[in-house]
C-alpha atoms as a PDB file:
ATOM      1  CA  MET A   1     134.372 126.439  24.895  1.00  0.00           C
ATOM      2  CA  ARG A   2     131.161 124.551  24.139  1.00  0.00           C
ATOM      3  CA  ILE A   3     130.589 121.176  25.804  1.00  0.00           C
ATOM      4  CA  PHE A   4     128.052 118.563  24.786  1.00  0.00           C
ATOM      5  CA  CYS A   5     127.277 116.578  27.941  1.00  0.00           C
ATOM      6  CA  HIS A   6     125.530 113.293  27.252  1.00  0.00           C
ATOM      7  CA  ILE A   7     123.207 112.228  30.095  1.00  0.00           C
ATOM      8  CA  PRO A   8     121.004 109.099  30.231  1.00  0.00           C
ATOM      9  CA  ARG A   9     117.659 110.733  31.160  1.00  0.00           C
ATOM     10  CA  GLU A  10     116.904 107.796  33.442  1.00  0.00           C
ATOM     11  CA  ASN A  11     116.111 109.732  36.640  1.00  0.00           C
ATOM     12  CA  TRP A  12     119.466 108.584  37.987  1.00  0.00           C
ATOM     13  CA  PHE A  13     122.523 110.182  39.552  1.00  0.00           C
ATOM     14  CA  ALA A  14     124.116 110.989  36.170  1.00  0.00           C
ATOM     15  CA  ASP A  15     121.166 113.203  35.202  1.00  0.00           C
ATOM     16  CA  ARG A  16     121.522 115.263  38.371  1.00  0.00           C
ATOM     17  CA  PHE A  17     125.292 115.381  37.912  1.00  0.00           C
ATOM     18  CA  GLY A  18     124.870 116.753  34.403  1.00  0.00           C
ATOM     19  CA  ASP A  19     122.352 119.365  35.550  1.00  0.00           C
ATOM     20  CA  GLU A  20     124.710 120.561  38.285  1.00  0.00           C
ATOM     21  CA  PHE A  21     127.599 120.705  35.834  1.00  0.00           C
ATOM     22  CA  GLU A  22     125.590 122.888  33.460  1.00  0.00           C
ATOM     23  CA  LYS A  23     124.775 125.258  36.317  1.00  0.00           C
ATOM     24  CA  PHE A  24     128.277 125.564  37.804  1.00  0.00           C
ATOM     25  CA  SER A  25     130.644 125.121  34.849  1.00  0.00           C
ATOM     26  CA  ASN A  26     132.369 128.204  33.501  1.00  0.00           C
ATOM     27  CA  TYR A  27     131.704 126.957  29.983  1.00  0.00           C
ATOM     28  CA  SER A  28     128.669 126.631  27.732  1.00  0.00           C
ATOM     29  CA  VAL A  29     127.059 123.237  28.382  1.00  0.00           C
ATOM     30  CA  SER A  30     124.324 121.629  26.288  1.00  0.00           C
ATOM     31  CA  PHE A  31     122.541 118.278  26.471  1.00  0.00           C
ATOM     32  CA  THR A  32     121.169 118.539  22.927  1.00  0.00           C
ATOM     33  CA  ASP A  33     123.533 120.564  20.715  1.00  0.00           C
ATOM     34  CA  LEU A  34     126.294 118.543  19.083  1.00  0.00           C
ATOM     35  CA  ASP A  35     127.728 121.732  17.573  1.00  0.00           C
ATOM     36  CA  CYS A  36     130.396 121.731  20.263  1.00  0.00           C
ATOM     37  CA  ASP A  37     134.118 121.711  20.939  1.00  0.00           C
ATOM     38  CA  VAL A  38     134.189 118.556  23.095  1.00  0.00           C
ATOM     39  CA  ILE A  39     131.844 115.679  23.890  1.00  0.00           C
ATOM     40  CA  TRP A  40     131.528 114.347  27.433  1.00  0.00           C
ATOM     41  CA  LEU A  41     129.998 110.859  27.596  1.00  0.00           C
ATOM     42  CA  LEU A  42     128.719 111.071  31.149  1.00  0.00           C
ATOM     43  CA  ALA A  43     126.489 108.053  30.448  1.00  0.00           C
ATOM     44  CA  ALA A  44     128.895 105.707  28.680  1.00  0.00           C
ATOM     45  CA  TRP A  45     126.333 102.911  28.325  1.00  0.00           C
ATOM     46  CA  CYS A  46     124.207 105.173  26.079  1.00  0.00           C
ATOM     47  CA  TRP A  47     127.043 106.163  23.768  1.00  0.00           C
ATOM     48  CA  LYS A  48     125.411 104.696  20.652  1.00  0.00           C
ATOM     49  CA  GLN A  49     122.753 107.403  20.826  1.00  0.00           C
ATOM     50  CA  ILE A  50     125.373 109.759  19.373  1.00  0.00           C
ATOM     51  CA  PRO A  51     126.219 109.485  15.649  1.00  0.00           C
ATOM     52  CA  LYS A  52     129.614 107.846  15.249  1.00  0.00           C
ATOM     53  CA  ILE A  53     130.676 110.495  12.753  1.00  0.00           C
ATOM     54  CA  MET A  54     130.354 113.101  15.519  1.00  0.00           C
ATOM     55  CA  LEU A  55     132.424 110.969  17.886  1.00  0.00           C
ATOM     56  CA  GLN A  56     135.079 110.720  15.178  1.00  0.00           C
ATOM     57  CA  GLN A  57     135.152 114.471  14.588  1.00  0.00           C
ATOM     58  CA  LYS A  58     135.167 115.749  18.189  1.00  0.00           C
ATOM     59  CA  PRO A  59     137.443 115.128  21.189  1.00  0.00           C
ATOM     60  CA  VAL A  60     135.633 112.726  23.537  1.00  0.00           C
ATOM     61  CA  MET A  61     135.879 112.281  27.316  1.00  0.00           C
ATOM     62  CA  CYS A  62     134.127 109.172  28.609  1.00  0.00           C
ATOM     63  CA  THR A  63     133.235 108.687  32.269  1.00  0.00           C
ATOM     64  CA  ILE A  64     133.411 105.152  33.636  1.00  0.00           C
ATOM     65  CA  HIS A  65     131.645 105.300  36.986  1.00  0.00           C
ATOM     66  CA  HIS A  66     132.630 101.768  37.918  1.00  0.00           C
ATOM     67  CA  GLU A  67     132.971  98.315  36.430  1.00  0.00           C
ATOM     68  CA  VAL A  68     132.294  94.881  37.896  1.00  0.00           C
ATOM     69  CA  PRO A  69     135.008  92.411  36.819  1.00  0.00           C
ATOM     70  CA  ASP A  70     132.680  89.413  37.159  1.00  0.00           C
ATOM     71  CA  LYS A  71     130.290  91.025  34.644  1.00  0.00           C
ATOM     72  CA  PHE A  72     132.887  92.463  32.279  1.00  0.00           C
ATOM     73  CA  PHE A  73     132.671  89.944  29.457  1.00  0.00           C
ATOM     74  CA  GLY A  74     130.582  89.158  26.384  1.00  0.00           C
ATOM     75  CA  ASN A  75     128.497  92.069  25.149  1.00  0.00           C
ATOM     76  CA  ARG A  76     129.744  94.368  27.894  1.00  0.00           C
ATOM     77  CA  LEU A  77     133.393  93.855  26.979  1.00  0.00           C
ATOM     78  CA  GLU A  78     132.638  94.071  23.250  1.00  0.00           C
ATOM     79  CA  ASP A  79     130.804  97.368  23.797  1.00  0.00           C
ATOM     80  CA  PHE A  80     133.769  98.769  25.731  1.00  0.00           C
ATOM     81  CA  ILE A  81     136.201  97.770  22.966  1.00  0.00           C
ATOM     82  CA  GLU A  82     134.019  99.314  20.246  1.00  0.00           C
ATOM     83  CA  ARG A  83     133.473 102.569  22.177  1.00  0.00           C
ATOM     84  CA  ASP A  84     137.170 102.799  23.052  1.00  0.00           C
ATOM     85  CA  LYS A  85     137.924 103.534  19.379  1.00  0.00           C
ATOM     86  CA  PHE A  86     136.179 106.908  19.755  1.00  0.00           C
ATOM     87  CA  VAL A  87     137.373 107.873  23.249  1.00  0.00           C
ATOM     88  CA  ASP A  88     140.297 110.272  23.685  1.00  0.00           C
ATOM     89  CA  VAL A  89     140.409 110.289  27.480  1.00  0.00           C
ATOM     90  CA  TYR A  90     138.630 108.448  30.272  1.00  0.00           C
ATOM     91  CA  HIS A  91     137.394 110.070  33.431  1.00  0.00           C
ATOM     92  CA  VAL A  92     136.960 107.963  36.577  1.00  0.00           C
ATOM     93  CA  PRO A  93     135.984 108.988  40.128  1.00  0.00           C
ATOM     94  CA  SER A  94     138.154 106.477  41.955  1.00  0.00           C
ATOM     95  CA  SER A  95     141.481 104.652  41.902  1.00  0.00           C
ATOM     96  CA  GLN A  96     139.638 101.311  41.984  1.00  0.00           C
ATOM     97  CA  THR A  97     137.970 102.050  38.636  1.00  0.00           C
ATOM     98  CA  ALA A  98     141.144 103.536  37.124  1.00  0.00           C
ATOM     99  CA  GLU A  99     143.126 100.417  37.965  1.00  0.00           C
ATOM    100  CA  PHE A 100     140.561  98.147  36.362  1.00  0.00           C
ATOM    101  CA  ILE A 101     140.010  99.966  33.068  1.00  0.00           C
ATOM    102  CA  SER A 102     143.741 100.608  32.615  1.00  0.00           C
ATOM    103  CA  LYS A 103     143.970  96.884  31.861  1.00  0.00           C
ATOM    104  CA  HIS A 104     141.619  97.283  28.896  1.00  0.00           C
ATOM    105  CA  THR A 105     142.704 100.522  27.203  1.00  0.00           C
ATOM    106  CA  ASN A 106     145.836 102.479  26.347  1.00  0.00           C
ATOM    107  CA  LYS A 107     143.956 105.789  26.414  1.00  0.00           C
ATOM    108  CA  PRO A 108     144.813 108.322  29.162  1.00  0.00           C
ATOM    109  CA  ILE A 109     142.770 108.139  32.384  1.00  0.00           C
ATOM    110  CA  VAL A 110     141.990 111.164  34.551  1.00  0.00           C
ATOM    111  CA  LYS A 111     140.838 110.580  38.126  1.00  0.00           C
ATOM    112  CA  ILE A 112     138.521 113.293  39.448  1.00  0.00           C
ATOM    113  CA  GLY A 113     136.222 112.441  42.337  1.00  0.00           C
ATOM    114  CA  TYR A 114     132.535 113.249  42.314  1.00  0.00           C
ATOM    115  CA  TRP A 115     131.502 116.552  43.812  1.00  0.00           C
ATOM    116  CA  LEU A 116     129.263 117.217  46.790  1.00  0.00           C
ATOM    117  CA  ASN A 117     126.311 119.584  46.522  1.00  0.00           C
ATOM    118  CA  HIS A 118     126.828 121.177  49.917  1.00  0.00           C
ATOM    119  CA  GLU A 119     123.563 123.106  49.641  1.00  0.00           C
ATOM    120  CA  LEU A 120     121.630 119.831  49.877  1.00  0.00           C
ATOM    121  CA  TRP A 121     123.656 117.885  52.435  1.00  0.00           C
ATOM    122  CA  ARG A 122     124.239 119.705  55.713  1.00  0.00           C
ATOM    123  CA  PRO A 123     124.319 118.516  59.335  1.00  0.00           C
ATOM    124  CA  LYS A 124     120.890 118.226  61.006  1.00  0.00           C
ATOM    125  CA  ASP A 125     119.804 117.367  64.522  1.00  0.00           C
ATOM    126  CA  LYS A 126     119.400 113.610  64.871  1.00  0.00           C
ATOM    127  CA  ASN A 127     116.522 113.740  67.374  1.00  0.00           C
ATOM    128  CA  ASP A 128     114.585 116.215  65.240  1.00  0.00           C
ATOM    129  CA  ALA A 129     115.021 114.022  62.156  1.00  0.00           C
ATOM    130  CA  GLN A 130     113.841 110.937  64.008  1.00  0.00           C
ATOM    131  CA  LYS A 131     110.730 112.791  65.203  1.00  0.00           C
ATOM    132  CA  ILE A 132     109.950 114.058  61.698  1.00  0.00           C
ATOM    133  CA  LEU A 133     110.183 110.490  60.376  1.00  0.00           C
ATOM    134  CA  GLY A 134     108.065 109.112  63.215  1.00  0.00           C
ATOM    135  CA  LEU A 135     110.767 106.705  64.377  1.00  0.00           C
ATOM    136  CA  PRO A 136     110.948 105.102  67.818  1.00  0.00           C
ATOM    137  CA  ASN A 137     113.411 106.705  70.229  1.00  0.00           C
ATOM    138  CA  ASP A 138     114.947 103.562  71.717  1.00  0.00           C
ATOM    139  CA  LYS A 139     116.671 102.091  68.645  1.00  0.00           C
ATOM    140  CA  PHE A 140     120.087 102.183  66.998  1.00  0.00           C
ATOM    141  CA  PHE A 141     119.420 103.283  63.417  1.00  0.00           C
ATOM    142  CA  VAL A 142     121.591 101.909  60.614  1.00  0.00           C
ATOM    143  CA  GLY A 143     121.169 103.299  57.092  1.00  0.00           C
ATOM    144  CA  SER A 144     121.490 101.858  53.587  1.00  0.00           C
ATOM    145  CA  PHE A 145     120.163 103.868  50.633  1.00  0.00           C
ATOM    146  CA  GLN A 146     121.188 101.972  47.477  1.00  0.00           C
ATOM    147  CA  ARG A 147     119.610  99.178  45.476  1.00  0.00           C
ATOM    148  CA  ASP A 148     120.742  95.698  46.382  1.00  0.00           C
ATOM    149  CA  THR A 149     118.756  93.252  44.226  1.00  0.00           C
ATOM    150  CA  GLU A 150     119.255  92.140  40.625  1.00  0.00           C
ATOM    151  CA  GLY A 151     116.471  93.328  38.323  1.00  0.00           C
ATOM    152  CA  SER A 152     116.405  90.011  36.462  1.00  0.00           C
ATOM    153  CA  ASP A 153     114.577  88.152  39.234  1.00  0.00           C
ATOM    154  CA  LEU A 154     114.080  90.691  42.077  1.00  0.00           C
ATOM    155  CA  LYS A 155     115.483  88.273  44.643  1.00  0.00           C
ATOM    156  CA  SER A 156     119.164  87.611  43.870  1.00  0.00           C
ATOM    157  CA  PRO A 157     121.639  89.932  45.611  1.00  0.00           C
ATOM    158  CA  LYS A 158     123.417  92.524  43.491  1.00  0.00           C
ATOM    159  CA  LEU A 159     126.746  91.382  44.907  1.00  0.00           C
ATOM    160  CA  GLU A 160     128.816  94.355  43.767  1.00  0.00           C
ATOM    161  CA  LYS A 161     126.704  96.469  46.143  1.00  0.00           C
ATOM    162  CA  GLY A 162     127.430  94.105  49.033  1.00  0.00           C
ATOM    163  CA  PRO A 163     123.920  93.588  50.449  1.00  0.00           C
ATOM    164  CA  ASP A 164     125.068  90.288  51.952  1.00  0.00           C
ATOM    165  CA  ARG A 165     127.845  92.107  53.777  1.00  0.00           C
ATOM    166  CA  PHE A 166     125.442  94.793  54.983  1.00  0.00           C
ATOM    167  CA  CYS A 167     123.054  92.200  56.375  1.00  0.00           C
ATOM    168  CA  ASP A 168     125.894  90.262  58.002  1.00  0.00           C
ATOM    169  CA  PHE A 169     127.016  93.488  59.682  1.00  0.00           C
ATOM    170  CA  VAL A 170     123.626  94.432  61.134  1.00  0.00           C
ATOM    171  CA  GLU A 171     123.059  90.844  62.258  1.00  0.00           C
ATOM    172  CA  LYS A 172     126.401  91.009  64.106  1.00  0.00           C
ATOM    173  CA  LEU A 173     125.204  94.164  65.838  1.00  0.00           C
ATOM    174  CA  ALA A 174     121.895  92.548  66.757  1.00  0.00           C
ATOM    175  CA  HIS A 175     123.654  89.454  68.145  1.00  0.00           C
ATOM    176  CA  LYS A 176     125.700  91.748  70.389  1.00  0.00           C
ATOM    177  CA  GLY A 177     122.472  93.094  71.862  1.00  0.00           C
ATOM    178  CA  VAL A 178     122.377  96.380  69.927  1.00  0.00           C
ATOM    179  CA  PRO A 179     118.698  97.366  69.325  1.00  0.00           C
ATOM    180  CA  VAL A 180     119.157  97.706  65.550  1.00  0.00           C
ATOM    181  CA  HIS A 181     116.529  99.333  63.338  1.00  0.00           C
ATOM    182  CA  VAL A 182     117.465  99.630  59.643  1.00  0.00           C
ATOM    183  CA  LEU A 183     116.533 102.607  57.460  1.00  0.00           C
ATOM    184  CA  LEU A 184     116.236 101.761  53.754  1.00  0.00           C
ATOM    185  CA  ASN A 185     115.447 103.706  50.621  1.00  0.00           C
ATOM    186  CA  GLY A 186     116.059 103.245  46.915  1.00  0.00           C
ATOM    187  CA  TRP A 187     114.924 100.837  44.219  1.00  0.00           C
ATOM    188  CA  ARG A 188     115.080  97.069  44.482  1.00  0.00           C
ATOM    189  CA  ARG A 189     115.643  96.414  48.178  1.00  0.00           C
ATOM    190  CA  GLN A 190     114.014  92.966  48.154  1.00  0.00           C
ATOM    191  CA  TYR A 191     117.139  91.014  49.128  1.00  0.00           C
ATOM    192  CA  VAL A 192     117.901  93.091  52.213  1.00  0.00           C
ATOM    193  CA  ILE A 193     114.257  93.237  53.274  1.00  0.00           C
ATOM    194  CA  ASN A 194     114.014  89.437  53.092  1.00  0.00           C
ATOM    195  CA  ARG A 195     117.191  89.026  55.143  1.00  0.00           C
ATOM    196  CA  LEU A 196     116.009  91.509  57.763  1.00  0.00           C
ATOM    197  CA  GLU A 197     112.612  89.855  58.069  1.00  0.00           C
ATOM    198  CA  THR A 198     114.235  86.426  58.407  1.00  0.00           C
ATOM    199  CA  ALA A 199     116.523  87.770  61.153  1.00  0.00           C
ATOM    200  CA  LYS A 200     113.581  89.608  62.763  1.00  0.00           C
ATOM    201  CA  ILE A 201     115.372  92.949  62.562  1.00  0.00           C
ATOM    202  CA  PRO A 202     112.937  95.895  62.259  1.00  0.00           C
ATOM    203  CA  TYR A 203     113.259  98.302  59.358  1.00  0.00           C
ATOM    204  CA  THR A 204     111.671 101.349  57.775  1.00  0.00           C
ATOM    205  CA  TYR A 205     111.580 101.529  53.977  1.00  0.00           C
ATOM    206  CA  ALA A 206     110.846 104.478  51.677  1.00  0.00           C
ATOM    207  CA  GLU A 207     111.298 103.482  48.038  1.00  0.00           C
ATOM    208  CA  LEU A 208     111.950 106.810  46.289  1.00  0.00           C
ATOM    209  CA  PRO A 209     111.583 109.594  48.857  1.00  0.00           C
ATOM    210  CA  PRO A 210     112.229 113.245  47.957  1.00  0.00           C
ATOM    211  CA  GLN A 211     115.612 114.728  48.803  1.00  0.00           C
ATOM    212  CA  PRO A 212     114.514 116.407  52.081  1.00  0.00           C
ATOM    213  CA  THR A 213     113.276 113.027  53.346  1.00  0.00           C
ATOM    214  CA  VAL A 214     116.535 111.363  52.340  1.00  0.00           C
ATOM    215  CA  ALA A 215     118.404 114.067  54.275  1.00  0.00           C
ATOM    216  CA  ASN A 216     116.273 113.359  57.339  1.00  0.00           C
ATOM    217  CA  MET A 217     116.920 109.632  56.945  1.00  0.00           C
ATOM    218  CA  TYR A 218     120.666 110.299  56.906  1.00  0.00           C
ATOM    219  CA  ALA A 219     120.397 112.592  59.925  1.00  0.00           C
ATOM    220  CA  ALA A 220     118.378 109.976  61.838  1.00  0.00           C
ATOM    221  CA  CYS A 221     121.164 107.389  61.455  1.00  0.00           C
ATOM    222  CA  ASP A 222     123.469 106.357  64.247  1.00  0.00           C
ATOM    223  CA  LEU A 223     125.525 104.633  61.569  1.00  0.00           C
ATOM    224  CA  TYR A 224     125.604 104.347  57.781  1.00  0.00           C
ATOM    225  CA  VAL A 225     127.163 101.213  56.268  1.00  0.00           C
ATOM    226  CA  VAL A 226     128.638 100.747  52.766  1.00  0.00           C
ATOM    227  CA  GLY A 227     129.435  97.084  52.155  1.00  0.00           C
ATOM    228  CA  SER A 228     130.061  97.308  48.405  1.00  0.00           C
ATOM    229  CA  ARG A 229     132.648  95.353  46.435  1.00  0.00           C
ATOM    230  CA  TYR A 230     132.822  97.846  43.558  1.00  0.00           C
ATOM    231  CA  GLU A 231     131.740 101.494  43.448  1.00  0.00           C
ATOM    232  CA  GLY A 232     132.235 104.782  41.702  1.00  0.00           C
ATOM    233  CA  GLY A 233     131.463 106.901  44.757  1.00  0.00           C
ATOM    234  CA  PRO A 234     129.112 105.939  46.135  1.00  0.00           C
ATOM    235  CA  GLN A 235     127.308 109.225  46.733  1.00  0.00           C
ATOM    236  CA  SER A 236     126.531 108.138  50.298  1.00  0.00           C
ATOM    237  CA  ILE A 237     130.238 108.487  51.175  1.00  0.00           C
ATOM    238  CA  LEU A 238     130.039 112.199  50.370  1.00  0.00           C
ATOM    239  CA  GLU A 239     126.523 112.846  51.625  1.00  0.00           C
ATOM    240  CA  ALA A 240     126.780 111.081  54.978  1.00  0.00           C
ATOM    241  CA  SER A 241     130.203 112.615  55.665  1.00  0.00           C
ATOM    242  CA  ALA A 242     128.915 116.111  54.874  1.00  0.00           C
ATOM    243  CA  MET A 243     125.985 115.591  57.266  1.00  0.00           C
ATOM    244  CA  LYS A 244     128.313 114.381  60.055  1.00  0.00           C
ATOM    245  CA  VAL A 245     126.705 110.945  60.045  1.00  0.00           C
ATOM    246  CA  PRO A 246     128.998 108.164  61.340  1.00  0.00           C
ATOM    247  CA  ILE A 247     129.855 106.019  58.319  1.00  0.00           C
ATOM    248  CA  ILE A 248     131.935 102.915  57.678  1.00  0.00           C
ATOM    249  CA  SER A 249     132.769 101.407  54.313  1.00  0.00           C
ATOM    250  CA  THR A 250     134.719  98.750  52.533  1.00  0.00           C
ATOM    251  CA  ARG A 251     137.747 100.074  50.646  1.00  0.00           C
ATOM    252  CA  VAL A 252     135.828 100.947  47.476  1.00  0.00           C
ATOM    253  CA  GLY A 253     135.286 103.968  45.274  1.00  0.00           C
ATOM    254  CA  MET A 254     135.980 107.282  46.973  1.00  0.00           C
ATOM    255  CA  ALA A 255     135.906 105.845  50.493  1.00  0.00           C
ATOM    256  CA  PRO A 256     139.738 105.879  50.881  1.00  0.00           C
ATOM    257  CA  ASP A 257     139.796 109.526  49.717  1.00  0.00           C
ATOM    258  CA  VAL A 258     137.215 110.717  52.257  1.00  0.00           C
ATOM    259  CA  LEU A 259     137.005 108.399  55.256  1.00  0.00           C
ATOM    260  CA  PRO A 260     139.704 107.957  57.907  1.00  0.00           C
ATOM    261  CA  GLU A 261     141.494 104.616  57.902  1.00  0.00           C
ATOM    262  CA  THR A 262     139.634 103.500  61.031  1.00  0.00           C
ATOM    263  CA  CYS A 263     136.347 103.594  59.092  1.00  0.00           C
ATOM    264  CA  LEU A 264     137.528 101.304  56.255  1.00  0.00           C
ATOM    265  CA  LEU A 265     136.603  97.685  56.978  1.00  0.00           C
ATOM    266  CA  ASN A 266     137.587  94.400  55.375  1.00  0.00           C
ATOM    267  CA  MET A 267     134.276  92.572  55.417  1.00  0.00           C
ATOM    268  CA  ASP A 268     135.703  89.432  53.818  1.00  0.00           C
ATOM    269  CA  SER A 269     137.472  88.445  57.033  1.00  0.00           C
ATOM    270  CA  GLU A 270     136.455  88.181  60.667  1.00  0.00           C
ATOM    271  CA  TYR A 271     135.811  91.593  62.191  1.00  0.00           C
ATOM    272  CA  ASP A 272     134.045  93.290  65.054  1.00  0.00           C
ATOM    273  CA  PRO A 273     131.428  95.875  64.073  1.00  0.00           C
ATOM    274  CA  TYR A 274     133.060  99.288  64.353  1.00  0.00           C
ATOM    275  CA  ILE A 275     131.196 102.453  65.288  1.00  0.00           C
ATOM    276  CA  PRO A 276     133.034 105.648  64.284  1.00  0.00           C
ATOM    277  CA  ASP A 277     133.819 108.065  67.109  1.00  0.00           C
ATOM    278  CA  LYS A 278     133.580 111.876  67.057  1.00  0.00           C
ATOM    279  CA  ASN A 279     137.116 112.219  65.698  1.00  0.00           C
ATOM    280  CA  ASP A 280     136.303 109.901  62.790  1.00  0.00           C
ATOM    281  CA  VAL A 281     133.176 111.879  61.977  1.00  0.00           C
ATOM    282  CA  GLN A 282     135.036 115.200  62.101  1.00  0.00           C
ATOM    283  CA  LYS A 283     137.863 113.948  59.865  1.00  0.00           C
ATOM    284  CA  ALA A 284     135.410 112.714  57.223  1.00  0.00           C
ATOM    285  CA  TYR A 285     133.515 116.021  57.447  1.00  0.00           C
ATOM    286  CA  GLU A 286     136.715 117.984  56.867  1.00  0.00           C
ATOM    287  CA  ASN A 287     137.901 115.712  54.041  1.00  0.00           C
ATOM    288  CA  VAL A 288     134.633 115.813  52.123  1.00  0.00           C
ATOM    289  CA  HIS A 289     134.703 119.583  51.838  1.00  0.00           C
ATOM    290  CA  ARG A 290     137.523 119.250  49.312  1.00  0.00           C
ATOM    291  CA  TYR A 291     134.776 118.078  46.953  1.00  0.00           C
ATOM    292  CA  CYS A 292     132.293 120.956  47.342  1.00  0.00           C
ATOM    293  CA  LEU A 293     130.546 121.543  44.028  1.00  0.00           C
ATOM    294  CA  ASP A 294     131.310 125.218  43.472  1.00  0.00           C
ATOM    295  CA  ARG A 295     135.076 124.574  43.724  1.00  0.00           C
ATOM    296  CA  HIS A 296     135.468 120.973  42.619  1.00  0.00           C
ATOM    297  CA  VAL A 297     133.637 121.452  39.316  1.00  0.00           C
ATOM    298  CA  LYS A 298     136.667 123.479  38.166  1.00  0.00           C
ATOM    299  CA  HIS A 299     138.666 120.245  37.929  1.00  0.00           C
ATOM    300  CA  TYR A 300     136.120 118.954  35.390  1.00  0.00           C
ATOM    301  CA  ASP A 301     136.296 122.218  33.470  1.00  0.00           C
ATOM    302  CA  LYS A 302     140.082 121.941  33.372  1.00  0.00           C
ATOM    303  CA  ALA A 303     140.036 118.334  32.136  1.00  0.00           C
ATOM    304  CA  LEU A 304     137.643 119.212  29.316  1.00  0.00           C
ATOM    305  CA  GLU A 305     139.601 122.359  28.477  1.00  0.00           C
ATOM    306  CA  ASN A 306     142.823 120.346  28.255  1.00  0.00           C
ATOM    307  CA  LEU A 307     141.049 117.822  26.041  1.00  0.00           C
ATOM    308  CA  SER A 308     139.879 120.571  23.664  1.00  0.00           C
ATOM    309  CA  LYS A 309     143.439 121.860  23.428  1.00  0.00           C
ATOM    310  CA  GLY A 310     144.959 118.416  22.905  1.00  0.00           C
ATOM    311  CA  LEU A 311     146.903 118.643  26.160  1.00  0.00           C
ATOM    312  CA  ILE A 312     145.887 115.247  27.569  1.00  0.00           C
ATOM    313  CA  SER A 313     148.029 112.331  26.520  1.00  0.00           C
END
């Protein structure tokens, strides 16, 4: 079977995901050759780059990483409706996304979580990582590695990512006397940085560090916090869990599939900051290994194989 995998070429997660799929799939995968048996729209927002006649002639699987209900109107909704005419099956990584898009299509939806590249994300010694990064040794390090600010003005919070919730959480810790120091990386962190500076909470920021530095930043954390309202993964759920980093999250994306119930917080109500214990960390570590790349990619192969055979309905 020949698979055309459409990636955005935006130096984003989907590009890496496509590259890993090409390497580990049992089938022939191309990013350029439309002479194929099935088309996988891994970057749904770029679907118009493919001639519509090809989308009409080939079975199409379209990945919806996540949608934000408050933004799903106007051009975004119209684009979904137009693209839906060419889609045979949707792939989603989480139940949250499946539930939302099921309200807007009658096409079949297959839930397959993202995979974890276990060669990149392994446990590391926390003290060694902190030394490598030149961090002080008397702080409680809290991590957040995703963009949080809207690109339109570089100051408004990207609310689906929950930067307001993240800042509320670390401020709660600080008010309890915890010596918080925040570790940040990723694009567009202006909102969180402004909040931290206003609250006089120290932070270390690396905008786009290489993967080994990101791994050290994870390993240096005493806690990683996901405060998102809507997510596909996020990747941090898999990566932090695989590195045995204590992590808490709202009930978004793949968090309910990986994290123990004790680590899922409702940040829209009053709560006490929770720090996962060793049992929590071990449970997440064990759960995340169900998603190891070399095994989990077979579920994607099977979905695309079933699509090529007309077995998905």
